[in-house]
C-alpha atoms as a PDB file:
ATOM      1  CA  UNK A   1      65.154 136.089 147.063  1.00  0.00           C
ATOM      2  CA  UNK A   2      66.626 138.891 144.959  1.00  0.00           C
ATOM      3  CA  UNK A   3      68.109 137.920 141.604  1.00  0.00           C
ATOM      4  CA  UNK A   4      70.797 139.917 139.857  1.00  0.00           C
ATOM      5  CA  UNK A   5      70.028 141.189 136.368  1.00  0.00           C
ATOM      6  CA  UNK A   6      72.701 139.095 134.653  1.00  0.00           C
ATOM      7  CA  UNK A   7      71.261 135.880 136.070  1.00  0.00           C
ATOM      8  CA  UNK A   8      67.690 136.874 135.177  1.00  0.00           C
ATOM      9  CA  UNK A   9      68.771 137.761 131.652  1.00  0.00           C
ATOM     10  CA  UNK A  10      70.408 134.364 131.166  1.00  0.00           C
ATOM     11  CA  UNK A  11      67.366 132.556 132.564  1.00  0.00           C
ATOM     12  CA  UNK A  12      65.047 134.464 130.223  1.00  0.00           C
ATOM     13  CA  UNK A  13      67.211 133.424 127.257  1.00  0.00           C
ATOM     14  CA  UNK A  14      66.972 129.794 128.359  1.00  0.00           C
ATOM     15  CA  UNK A  15      63.179 129.995 128.648  1.00  0.00           C
ATOM     16  CA  UNK A  16      62.983 131.735 125.277  1.00  0.00           C
ATOM     17  CA  UNK A  17      64.883 128.839 123.702  1.00  0.00           C
ATOM     18  CA  UNK A  18      62.631 126.321 125.452  1.00  0.00           C
ATOM     19  CA  UNK A  19      59.486 128.039 124.127  1.00  0.00           C
ATOM     20  CA  UNK A  20      61.000 128.330 120.657  1.00  0.00           C
ATOM     21  CA  UNK A  21      61.825 124.620 120.663  1.00  0.00           C
ATOM     22  CA  UNK A  22      58.270 123.746 121.702  1.00  0.00           C
ATOM     23  CA  UNK A  23      56.387 126.213 119.492  1.00  0.00           C
ATOM     24  CA  UNK A  24      58.393 126.192 116.267  1.00  0.00           C
ATOM     25  CA  UNK A  25      57.260 122.721 115.072  1.00  0.00           C
ATOM     26  CA  UNK A  26      53.644 123.680 115.784  1.00  0.00           C
ATOM     27  CA  UNK A  27      54.016 126.941 113.837  1.00  0.00           C
ATOM     28  CA  UNK A  28      55.308 124.988 110.830  1.00  0.00           C
ATOM     29  CA  UNK A  29      52.263 122.714 110.999  1.00  0.00           C
ATOM     30  CA  UNK A  30      49.926 125.705 111.287  1.00  0.00           C
ATOM     31  CA  UNK A  31      51.487 127.331 108.241  1.00  0.00           C
ATOM     32  CA  UNK A  32      50.831 124.156 106.284  1.00  0.00           C
ATOM     33  CA  UNK A  33      47.291 124.090 107.629  1.00  0.00           C
ATOM     34  CA  UNK A  34      46.574 127.677 106.595  1.00  0.00           C
ATOM     35  CA  UNK A  35      47.842 126.940 103.111  1.00  0.00           C
ATOM     36  CA  UNK A  36      44.686 124.811 102.712  1.00  0.00           C
ATOM     37  CA  UNK A  37      42.119 127.144 101.078  1.00  0.00           C
ATOM     38  CA  UNK A  38      39.097 125.384 102.643  1.00  0.00           C
ATOM     39  CA  UNK A  39      40.556 125.683 106.128  1.00  0.00           C
ATOM     40  CA  UNK A  40      41.539 129.321 105.597  1.00  0.00           C
ATOM     41  CA  UNK A  41      38.003 130.118 104.389  1.00  0.00           C
ATOM     42  CA  UNK A  42      36.453 128.435 107.440  1.00  0.00           C
ATOM     43  CA  UNK A  43      38.930 130.180 109.737  1.00  0.00           C
ATOM     44  CA  UNK A  44      38.111 133.610 108.295  1.00  0.00           C
ATOM     45  CA  UNK A  45      34.395 132.847 108.505  1.00  0.00           C
ATOM     46  CA  UNK A  46      34.793 131.785 112.139  1.00  0.00           C
ATOM     47  CA  UNK A  47      36.552 135.027 113.111  1.00  0.00           C
ATOM     48  CA  UNK A  48      34.058 137.163 111.149  1.00  0.00           C
ATOM     49  CA  UNK A  49      31.171 135.452 112.955  1.00  0.00           C
ATOM     50  CA  UNK A  50      32.796 136.046 116.336  1.00  0.00           C
ATOM     51  CA  UNK A  51      32.917 139.744 115.478  1.00  0.00           C
ATOM     52  CA  UNK A  52      29.250 139.660 114.469  1.00  0.00           C
ATOM     53  CA  UNK A  53      28.337 138.051 117.803  1.00  0.00           C
ATOM     54  CA  UNK A  54      30.232 140.730 119.728  1.00  0.00           C
ATOM     55  CA  UNK A  55      28.529 143.425 117.677  1.00  0.00           C
ATOM     56  CA  UNK A  56      25.068 141.882 118.242  1.00  0.00           C
ATOM     57  CA  UNK A  57      25.687 141.766 122.018  1.00  0.00           C
ATOM     58  CA  UNK A  58      26.791 145.402 122.003  1.00  0.00           C
ATOM     59  CA  UNK A  59      23.735 146.480 119.972  1.00  0.00           C
ATOM     60  CA  UNK A  60      21.359 144.402 122.081  1.00  0.00           C
ATOM     61  CA  UNK A  61      20.334 142.253 119.097  1.00  0.00           C
ATOM     62  CA  UNK A  62      19.553 139.168 121.185  1.00  0.00           C
ATOM     63  CA  UNK A  63      17.191 137.695 118.589  1.00  0.00           C
ATOM     64  CA  UNK A  64      20.040 137.160 116.140  1.00  0.00           C
ATOM     65  CA  UNK A  65      22.446 135.591 118.629  1.00  0.00           C
ATOM     66  CA  UNK A  66      21.218 131.964 118.373  1.00  0.00           C
ATOM     67  CA  UNK A  67      21.640 132.013 114.588  1.00  0.00           C
ATOM     68  CA  UNK A  68      25.106 133.503 114.833  1.00  0.00           C
ATOM     69  CA  UNK A  69      26.206 131.032 117.523  1.00  0.00           C
ATOM     70  CA  UNK A  70      24.994 128.129 115.402  1.00  0.00           C
ATOM     71  CA  UNK A  71      26.925 129.554 112.453  1.00  0.00           C
ATOM     72  CA  UNK A  72      30.017 129.888 114.628  1.00  0.00           C
ATOM     73  CA  UNK A  73      29.734 126.255 115.717  1.00  0.00           C
ATOM     74  CA  UNK A  74      29.409 125.141 112.081  1.00  0.00           C
ATOM     75  CA  UNK A  75      32.647 126.903 111.196  1.00  0.00           C
ATOM     76  CA  UNK A  76      34.333 125.370 114.243  1.00  0.00           C
ATOM     77  CA  UNK A  77      33.244 121.869 113.243  1.00  0.00           C
ATOM     78  CA  UNK A  78      34.352 122.493 109.656  1.00  0.00           C
ATOM     79  CA  UNK A  79      37.821 123.568 110.825  1.00  0.00           C
ATOM     80  CA  UNK A  80      38.094 120.519 113.057  1.00  0.00           C
ATOM     81  CA  UNK A  81      37.019 118.219 110.217  1.00  0.00           C
ATOM     82  CA  UNK A  82      39.675 119.638 107.888  1.00  0.00           C
ATOM     83  CA  UNK A  83      42.377 119.416 110.570  1.00  0.00           C
ATOM     84  CA  UNK A  84      41.610 115.776 111.257  1.00  0.00           C
ATOM     85  CA  UNK A  85      41.513 114.961 107.524  1.00  0.00           C
ATOM     86  CA  UNK A  86      45.038 116.347 107.270  1.00  0.00           C
ATOM     87  CA  UNK A  87      46.181 114.419 110.352  1.00  0.00           C
ATOM     88  CA  UNK A  88      46.269 117.414 112.687  1.00  0.00           C
ATOM     89  CA  UNK A  89      44.501 116.715 115.976  1.00  0.00           C
ATOM     90  CA  UNK A  90      44.512 119.039 119.005  1.00  0.00           C
ATOM     91  CA  UNK A  91      47.483 117.220 120.521  1.00  0.00           C
ATOM     92  CA  UNK A  92      49.544 117.637 117.362  1.00  0.00           C
ATOM     93  CA  UNK A  93      48.870 121.375 117.292  1.00  0.00           C
ATOM     94  CA  UNK A  94      49.724 121.887 120.983  1.00  0.00           C
ATOM     95  CA  UNK A  95      53.312 122.915 121.841  1.00  0.00           C
ATOM     96  CA  UNK A  96      55.139 120.331 123.947  1.00  0.00           C
ATOM     97  CA  UNK A  97      56.495 122.558 126.699  1.00  0.00           C
ATOM     98  CA  UNK A  98      59.027 121.069 129.105  1.00  0.00           C
ATOM     99  CA  UNK A  99      57.136 122.484 132.090  1.00  0.00           C
ATOM    100  CA  UNK A 100      53.358 122.070 132.059  1.00  0.00           C
ATOM    101  CA  UNK A 101      52.935 124.384 135.049  1.00  0.00           C
ATOM    102  CA  UNK A 102      54.383 127.572 133.532  1.00  0.00           C
ATOM    103  CA  UNK A 103      54.531 126.665 129.819  1.00  0.00           C
ATOM    104  CA  UNK A 104      58.255 127.455 129.878  1.00  0.00           C
ATOM    105  CA  UNK A 105      57.798 131.053 131.027  1.00  0.00           C
ATOM    106  CA  UNK A 106      59.101 130.717 134.591  1.00  0.00           C
ATOM    107  CA  UNK A 107      55.836 131.912 136.113  1.00  0.00           C
ATOM    108  CA  UNK A 108      52.580 130.063 136.733  1.00  0.00           C
ATOM    109  CA  UNK A 109      49.191 131.449 135.691  1.00  0.00           C
ATOM    110  CA  UNK A 110      48.848 133.301 139.016  1.00  0.00           C
ATOM    111  CA  UNK A 111      52.197 135.055 138.499  1.00  0.00           C
ATOM    112  CA  UNK A 112      54.179 133.033 141.038  1.00  0.00           C
ATOM    113  CA  UNK A 113      57.715 131.881 140.261  1.00  0.00           C
ATOM    114  CA  UNK A 114      57.514 128.304 139.024  1.00  0.00           C
ATOM    115  CA  UNK A 115      59.409 125.436 140.647  1.00  0.00           C
ATOM    116  CA  UNK A 116      61.339 124.951 137.424  1.00  0.00           C
ATOM    117  CA  UNK A 117      62.525 128.572 137.643  1.00  0.00           C
ATOM    118  CA  UNK A 118      63.868 128.031 141.159  1.00  0.00           C
ATOM    119  CA  UNK A 119      65.612 124.818 140.128  1.00  0.00           C
ATOM    120  CA  UNK A 120      67.161 126.609 137.161  1.00  0.00           C
ATOM    121  CA  UNK A 121      68.424 129.366 139.461  1.00  0.00           C
ATOM    122  CA  UNK A 122      70.093 126.749 141.686  1.00  0.00           C
ATOM    123  CA  UNK A 123      71.643 124.980 138.712  1.00  0.00           C
ATOM    124  CA  UNK A 124      73.047 128.151 137.158  1.00  0.00           C
ATOM    125  CA  UNK A 125      74.311 129.416 140.512  1.00  0.00           C
ATOM    126  CA  UNK A 126      76.391 126.278 141.044  1.00  0.00           C
ATOM    127  CA  UNK A 127      77.681 126.378 137.469  1.00  0.00           C
ATOM    128  CA  UNK A 128      78.739 130.011 137.677  1.00  0.00           C
ATOM    129  CA  UNK A 129      80.542 129.408 140.955  1.00  0.00           C
ATOM    130  CA  UNK A 130      82.229 126.298 139.569  1.00  0.00           C
ATOM    131  CA  UNK A 131      80.593 123.993 142.122  1.00  0.00           C
ATOM    132  CA  UNK A 132      79.225 120.504 141.660  1.00  0.00           C
ATOM    133  CA  UNK A 133      75.860 119.517 143.080  1.00  0.00           C
ATOM    134  CA  UNK A 134      76.475 117.702 146.358  1.00  0.00           C
ATOM    135  CA  UNK A 135      74.693 114.678 147.734  1.00  0.00           C
ATOM    136  CA  UNK A 136      73.521 115.926 151.101  1.00  0.00           C
ATOM    137  CA  UNK A 137      72.259 113.991 154.138  1.00  0.00           C
ATOM    138  CA  UNK A 138      68.699 114.178 155.485  1.00  0.00           C
ATOM    139  CA  UNK A 139      67.089 114.491 158.894  1.00  0.00           C
ATOM    140  CA  UNK A 140      65.131 111.278 158.282  1.00  0.00           C
ATOM    141  CA  UNK A 141      68.258 109.165 157.868  1.00  0.00           C
ATOM    142  CA  UNK A 142      70.290 110.816 160.602  1.00  0.00           C
ATOM    143  CA  UNK A 143      71.945 108.344 162.963  1.00  0.00           C
ATOM    144  CA  UNK A 144      73.427 108.588 166.453  1.00  0.00           C
ATOM    145  CA  UNK A 145      70.696 111.003 167.589  1.00  0.00           C
ATOM    146  CA  UNK A 146      71.171 109.654 171.091  1.00  0.00           C
ATOM    147  CA  UNK A 147      74.755 110.936 171.154  1.00  0.00           C
ATOM    148  CA  UNK A 148      76.250 114.418 171.532  1.00  0.00           C
ATOM    149  CA  UNK A 149      72.802 115.869 172.378  1.00  0.00           C
ATOM    150  CA  UNK A 150      71.979 115.627 168.664  1.00  0.00           C
ATOM    151  CA  UNK A 151      68.284 114.759 169.034  1.00  0.00           C
ATOM    152  CA  UNK A 152      67.556 118.059 170.758  1.00  0.00           C
ATOM    153  CA  UNK A 153      69.647 119.997 168.235  1.00  0.00           C
ATOM    154  CA  UNK A 154      68.047 118.220 165.252  1.00  0.00           C
ATOM    155  CA  UNK A 155      64.583 119.076 166.561  1.00  0.00           C
ATOM    156  CA  UNK A 156      65.494 122.755 166.823  1.00  0.00           C
ATOM    157  CA  UNK A 157      67.023 122.817 163.343  1.00  0.00           C
ATOM    158  CA  UNK A 158      63.988 121.019 161.856  1.00  0.00           C
ATOM    159  CA  UNK A 159      61.863 123.807 163.335  1.00  0.00           C
ATOM    160  CA  UNK A 160      64.259 126.347 161.797  1.00  0.00           C
ATOM    161  CA  UNK A 161      63.605 124.773 158.388  1.00  0.00           C
ATOM    162  CA  UNK A 162      59.844 124.888 158.939  1.00  0.00           C
ATOM    163  CA  UNK A 163      59.974 128.628 159.669  1.00  0.00           C
ATOM    164  CA  UNK A 164      62.325 129.412 156.779  1.00  0.00           C
ATOM    165  CA  UNK A 165      62.409 131.927 155.100  1.00  0.00           C
ATOM    166  CA  UNK A 166      60.599 133.782 157.873  1.00  0.00           C
ATOM    167  CA  UNK A 167      63.817 133.963 159.827  1.00  0.00           C
ATOM    168  CA  UNK A 168      67.046 135.883 159.412  1.00  0.00           C
ATOM    169  CA  UNK A 169      68.878 133.893 162.093  1.00  0.00           C
ATOM    170  CA  UNK A 170      72.425 132.881 161.262  1.00  0.00           C
ATOM    171  CA  UNK A 171      73.786 129.655 162.716  1.00  0.00           C
ATOM    172  CA  UNK A 172      77.355 128.890 163.745  1.00  0.00           C
ATOM    173  CA  UNK A 173      77.933 125.229 164.619  1.00  0.00           C
ATOM    174  CA  UNK A 174      81.197 124.591 166.455  1.00  0.00           C
ATOM    175  CA  UNK A 175      82.743 121.474 167.928  1.00  0.00           C
ATOM    176  CA  UNK A 176      85.528 118.961 167.700  1.00  0.00           C
ATOM    177  CA  UNK A 177      86.209 116.821 164.623  1.00  0.00           C
ATOM    178  CA  UNK A 178      83.527 114.223 163.898  1.00  0.00           C
ATOM    179  CA  UNK A 179      80.865 115.455 166.301  1.00  0.00           C
ATOM    180  CA  UNK A 180      78.248 115.832 163.557  1.00  0.00           C
ATOM    181  CA  UNK A 181      78.540 119.505 162.551  1.00  0.00           C
ATOM    182  CA  UNK A 182      78.776 119.055 158.781  1.00  0.00           C
ATOM    183  CA  UNK A 183      76.080 116.394 158.783  1.00  0.00           C
ATOM    184  CA  UNK A 184      73.719 118.712 160.626  1.00  0.00           C
ATOM    185  CA  UNK A 185      74.425 121.613 158.263  1.00  0.00           C
ATOM    186  CA  UNK A 186      73.926 119.280 155.299  1.00  0.00           C
ATOM    187  CA  UNK A 187      70.546 118.160 156.656  1.00  0.00           C
ATOM    188  CA  UNK A 188      69.384 121.768 156.913  1.00  0.00           C
ATOM    189  CA  UNK A 189      70.590 122.563 153.398  1.00  0.00           C
ATOM    190  CA  UNK A 190      68.997 119.416 151.956  1.00  0.00           C
ATOM    191  CA  UNK A 191      65.664 120.131 153.644  1.00  0.00           C
ATOM    192  CA  UNK A 192      65.515 123.665 152.275  1.00  0.00           C
ATOM    193  CA  UNK A 193      66.643 122.606 148.796  1.00  0.00           C
ATOM    194  CA  UNK A 194      63.751 120.119 148.763  1.00  0.00           C
ATOM    195  CA  UNK A 195      61.466 123.111 149.362  1.00  0.00           C
ATOM    196  CA  UNK A 196      62.916 124.861 146.282  1.00  0.00           C
ATOM    197  CA  UNK A 197      65.061 127.395 148.118  1.00  0.00           C
ATOM    198  CA  UNK A 198      68.323 128.424 146.503  1.00  0.00           C
ATOM    199  CA  UNK A 199      70.945 127.048 148.902  1.00  0.00           C
ATOM    200  CA  UNK A 200      74.687 127.149 148.307  1.00  0.00           C
ATOM    201  CA  UNK A 201      76.513 124.490 150.341  1.00  0.00           C
ATOM    202  CA  UNK A 202      80.266 124.671 149.969  1.00  0.00           C
ATOM    203  CA  UNK A 203      83.399 123.955 151.945  1.00  0.00           C
ATOM    204  CA  UNK A 204      85.554 126.765 153.260  1.00  0.00           C
ATOM    205  CA  UNK A 205      88.229 125.672 150.774  1.00  0.00           C
ATOM    206  CA  UNK A 206      85.766 125.957 147.883  1.00  0.00           C
ATOM    207  CA  UNK A 207      84.693 129.385 149.089  1.00  0.00           C
ATOM    208  CA  UNK A 208      88.330 130.438 149.348  1.00  0.00           C
ATOM    209  CA  UNK A 209      88.915 129.442 145.718  1.00  0.00           C
ATOM    210  CA  UNK A 210      85.873 131.458 144.623  1.00  0.00           C
ATOM    211  CA  UNK A 211      87.084 134.473 146.614  1.00  0.00           C
ATOM    212  CA  UNK A 212      90.468 134.217 144.920  1.00  0.00           C
ATOM    213  CA  UNK A 213      88.723 134.232 141.511  1.00  0.00           C
ATOM    214  CA  UNK A 214      86.752 137.255 142.675  1.00  0.00           C
ATOM    215  CA  UNK A 215      89.969 138.985 143.730  1.00  0.00           C
ATOM    216  CA  UNK A 216      91.687 138.607 140.345  1.00  0.00           C
ATOM    217  CA  UNK A 217      88.594 139.119 138.149  1.00  0.00           C
ATOM    218  CA  UNK A 218      88.080 142.289 136.095  1.00  0.00           C
ATOM    219  CA  UNK A 219      85.922 144.889 137.840  1.00  0.00           C
ATOM    220  CA  UNK A 220      82.941 144.298 135.529  1.00  0.00           C
ATOM    221  CA  UNK A 221      82.911 140.583 136.452  1.00  0.00           C
ATOM    222  CA  UNK A 222      83.313 140.881 140.213  1.00  0.00           C
ATOM    223  CA  UNK A 223      79.638 141.657 140.799  1.00  0.00           C
ATOM    224  CA  UNK A 224      78.536 138.254 139.510  1.00  0.00           C
ATOM    225  CA  UNK A 225      80.449 136.364 142.207  1.00  0.00           C
ATOM    226  CA  UNK A 226      79.351 138.690 144.988  1.00  0.00           C
ATOM    227  CA  UNK A 227      75.676 138.668 143.975  1.00  0.00           C
ATOM    228  CA  UNK A 228      75.505 134.876 143.852  1.00  0.00           C
ATOM    229  CA  UNK A 229      77.083 134.493 147.288  1.00  0.00           C
ATOM    230  CA  UNK A 230      75.101 137.239 148.993  1.00  0.00           C
ATOM    231  CA  UNK A 231      71.682 136.867 147.332  1.00  0.00           C
ATOM    232  CA  UNK A 232      71.064 133.112 147.621  1.00  0.00           C
ATOM    233  CA  UNK A 233      68.413 132.127 150.170  1.00  0.00           C
ATOM    234  CA  UNK A 234      70.932 130.361 152.388  1.00  0.00           C
ATOM    235  CA  UNK A 235      74.735 130.162 152.286  1.00  0.00           C
ATOM    236  CA  UNK A 236      76.338 127.221 154.110  1.00  0.00           C
ATOM    237  CA  UNK A 237      80.106 127.369 154.691  1.00  0.00           C
ATOM    238  CA  UNK A 238      81.379 124.036 155.951  1.00  0.00           C
ATOM    239  CA  UNK A 239      84.559 123.528 157.998  1.00  0.00           C
ATOM    240  CA  UNK A 240      85.631 127.149 158.310  1.00  0.00           C
ATOM    241  CA  UNK A 241      89.259 127.225 159.361  1.00  0.00           C
ATOM    242  CA  UNK A 242      90.398 124.334 157.170  1.00  0.00           C
ATOM    243  CA  UNK A 243      91.159 126.609 154.217  1.00  0.00           C
ATOM    244  CA  UNK A 244      94.537 128.247 153.543  1.00  0.00           C
ATOM    245  CA  UNK A 245      94.762 131.960 154.285  1.00  0.00           C
ATOM    246  CA  UNK A 246      95.296 134.114 151.208  1.00  0.00           C
ATOM    247  CA  UNK A 247      96.582 137.584 151.971  1.00  0.00           C
ATOM    248  CA  UNK A 248      94.043 140.349 151.217  1.00  0.00           C
ATOM    249  CA  UNK A 249      91.494 137.693 150.234  1.00  0.00           C
ATOM    250  CA  UNK A 250      90.346 135.198 152.852  1.00  0.00           C
ATOM    251  CA  UNK A 251      89.738 137.400 155.876  1.00  0.00           C
ATOM    252  CA  UNK A 252      88.646 140.516 153.980  1.00  0.00           C
ATOM    253  CA  UNK A 253      86.149 138.901 151.608  1.00  0.00           C
ATOM    254  CA  UNK A 254      84.701 136.536 154.195  1.00  0.00           C
ATOM    255  CA  UNK A 255      83.891 139.586 156.311  1.00  0.00           C
ATOM    256  CA  UNK A 256      82.422 141.334 153.267  1.00  0.00           C
ATOM    257  CA  UNK A 257      80.102 138.401 152.438  1.00  0.00           C
ATOM    258  CA  UNK A 258      78.959 137.916 156.030  1.00  0.00           C
ATOM    259  CA  UNK A 259      78.311 141.642 156.456  1.00  0.00           C
ATOM    260  CA  UNK A 260      76.452 141.894 153.155  1.00  0.00           C
ATOM    261  CA  UNK A 261      74.235 138.930 153.964  1.00  0.00           C
ATOM    262  CA  UNK A 262      73.446 140.303 157.405  1.00  0.00           C
ATOM    263  CA  UNK A 263      72.562 143.680 155.896  1.00  0.00           C
ATOM    264  CA  UNK A 264      70.174 141.968 153.472  1.00  0.00           C
ATOM    265  CA  UNK A 265      68.821 139.649 156.200  1.00  0.00           C
ATOM    266  CA  UNK A 266      69.954 136.652 154.151  1.00  0.00           C
ATOM    267  CA  UNK A 267      70.992 133.985 156.687  1.00  0.00           C
ATOM    268  CA  UNK A 268      74.131 131.872 156.643  1.00  0.00           C
ATOM    269  CA  UNK A 269      75.303 128.715 158.397  1.00  0.00           C
ATOM    270  CA  UNK A 270      78.934 128.096 159.300  1.00  0.00           C
ATOM    271  CA  UNK A 271      80.517 124.981 160.761  1.00  0.00           C
ATOM    272  CA  UNK A 272      83.960 125.086 162.339  1.00  0.00           C
ATOM    273  CA  UNK A 273      86.352 123.115 164.514  1.00  0.00           C
ATOM    274  CA  UNK A 274      87.909 126.320 165.813  1.00  0.00           C
ATOM    275  CA  UNK A 275      87.542 127.773 169.277  1.00  0.00           C
ATOM    276  CA  UNK A 276      86.664 131.444 169.831  1.00  0.00           C
ATOM    277  CA  UNK A 277      90.278 132.536 170.270  1.00  0.00           C
ATOM    278  CA  UNK A 278      91.309 130.685 167.127  1.00  0.00           C
ATOM    279  CA  UNK A 279      88.505 132.343 165.127  1.00  0.00           C
ATOM    280  CA  UNK A 280      89.655 135.703 166.465  1.00  0.00           C
ATOM    281  CA  UNK A 281      93.301 135.105 165.539  1.00  0.00           C
ATOM    282  CA  UNK A 282      92.425 133.808 162.098  1.00  0.00           C
ATOM    283  CA  UNK A 283      89.633 136.147 160.929  1.00  0.00           C
ATOM    284  CA  UNK A 284      89.794 139.195 163.188  1.00  0.00           C
ATOM    285  CA  UNK A 285      87.498 140.784 165.745  1.00  0.00           C
ATOM    286  CA  UNK A 286      85.011 142.228 163.234  1.00  0.00           C
ATOM    287  CA  UNK A 287      84.225 138.817 161.740  1.00  0.00           C
ATOM    288  CA  UNK A 288      84.046 137.149 165.142  1.00  0.00           C
ATOM    289  CA  UNK A 289      81.744 139.900 166.413  1.00  0.00           C
ATOM    290  CA  UNK A 290      79.300 139.191 163.587  1.00  0.00           C
ATOM    291  CA  UNK A 291      79.460 135.443 164.155  1.00  0.00           C
ATOM    292  CA  UNK A 292      78.652 135.993 167.826  1.00  0.00           C
ATOM    293  CA  UNK A 293      75.847 138.507 167.224  1.00  0.00           C
ATOM    294  CA  UNK A 294      73.063 137.055 169.406  1.00  0.00           C
ATOM    295  CA  UNK A 295      70.398 139.308 167.888  1.00  0.00           C
ATOM    296  CA  UNK A 296      71.121 137.969 164.436  1.00  0.00           C
ATOM    297  CA  UNK A 297      72.159 134.420 165.107  1.00  0.00           C
ATOM    298  CA  UNK A 298      72.621 131.292 167.189  1.00  0.00           C
ATOM    299  CA  UNK A 299      75.910 129.718 168.277  1.00  0.00           C
ATOM    300  CA  UNK A 300      75.664 125.942 168.728  1.00  0.00           C
ATOM    301  CA  UNK A 301      78.477 124.095 170.461  1.00  0.00           C
ATOM    302  CA  UNK A 302      78.378 120.332 169.877  1.00  0.00           C
ATOM    303  CA  UNK A 303      80.342 118.433 172.482  1.00  0.00           C
ATOM    304  CA  UNK A 304      80.972 114.728 172.623  1.00  0.00           C
ATOM    305  CA  UNK A 305      82.656 111.852 170.863  1.00  0.00           C
ATOM    306  CA  UNK A 306      83.845 111.445 167.288  1.00  0.00           C
ATOM    307  CA  UNK A 307      80.912 109.780 165.523  1.00  0.00           C
ATOM    308  CA  UNK A 308      83.139 108.662 162.656  1.00  0.00           C
ATOM    309  CA  UNK A 309      84.751 106.194 165.024  1.00  0.00           C
ATOM    310  CA  UNK A 310      81.412 104.492 165.670  1.00  0.00           C
ATOM    311  CA  UNK A 311      80.680 101.271 163.796  1.00  0.00           C
ATOM    312  CA  UNK A 312      77.599 101.325 161.570  1.00  0.00           C
END
């Protein structure tokens, strides 16, 4: 996914503090170690011998290499002996990074974004949007698969998760109250979160509140809200149509977010109880046209009984 500069800057500051916290105690110990004259002498001798070895290799002086390597090993053993006598073993002099995979840099040795980086992105995204982390359902624990044609739909959505992010398909899940729309959307979000994708799952009411904040924010702060909502790997808007309509906010900004995500090929999932005509009346023809775009998305209609009325 693409990350806005403000978010990256904040993440880098966090990693910098993590590294500082891990490395500072070790640096203090090293300073104390180098204040020991015997250790400092052995350390300087070790580095001087390394230079001599490099020089001998460059000059082709192979006969002198065994002597120099033995000398280098002597200095190494001497340094180790002094460290241990002062109570400094290798473990003591190794920074205790929070993440062993990236050493608190955000990237692994092969340059790939670390899992801890992705989790930090998710955490900061929720915080900046004023959202709490939700406990989401899972495909494995899904019940009533024999009702409302859910087994077939679950199978298709599990395949969607397997292909992600190699898909830009948007999903609109419509149906009556209690037919399993939100649960299905939650399962998709949970599955992708477990794979370290940055997924924002929020209700239409929560989104509406964020859009209102966006509307009244100073111009230099508006970009933060928009970037977070349009750049995340997947945006899930649950129960569209349950939110109040704010003039010049709800319809306009919902269209803006949907359009922006479609332009960037960043998929979204929307659940709603509304019929097509109700969506048209509430959000306008431009929004409905994008929701019904068959080239870019899938419209799933779940029909059947209210599963909330079933006894567990």
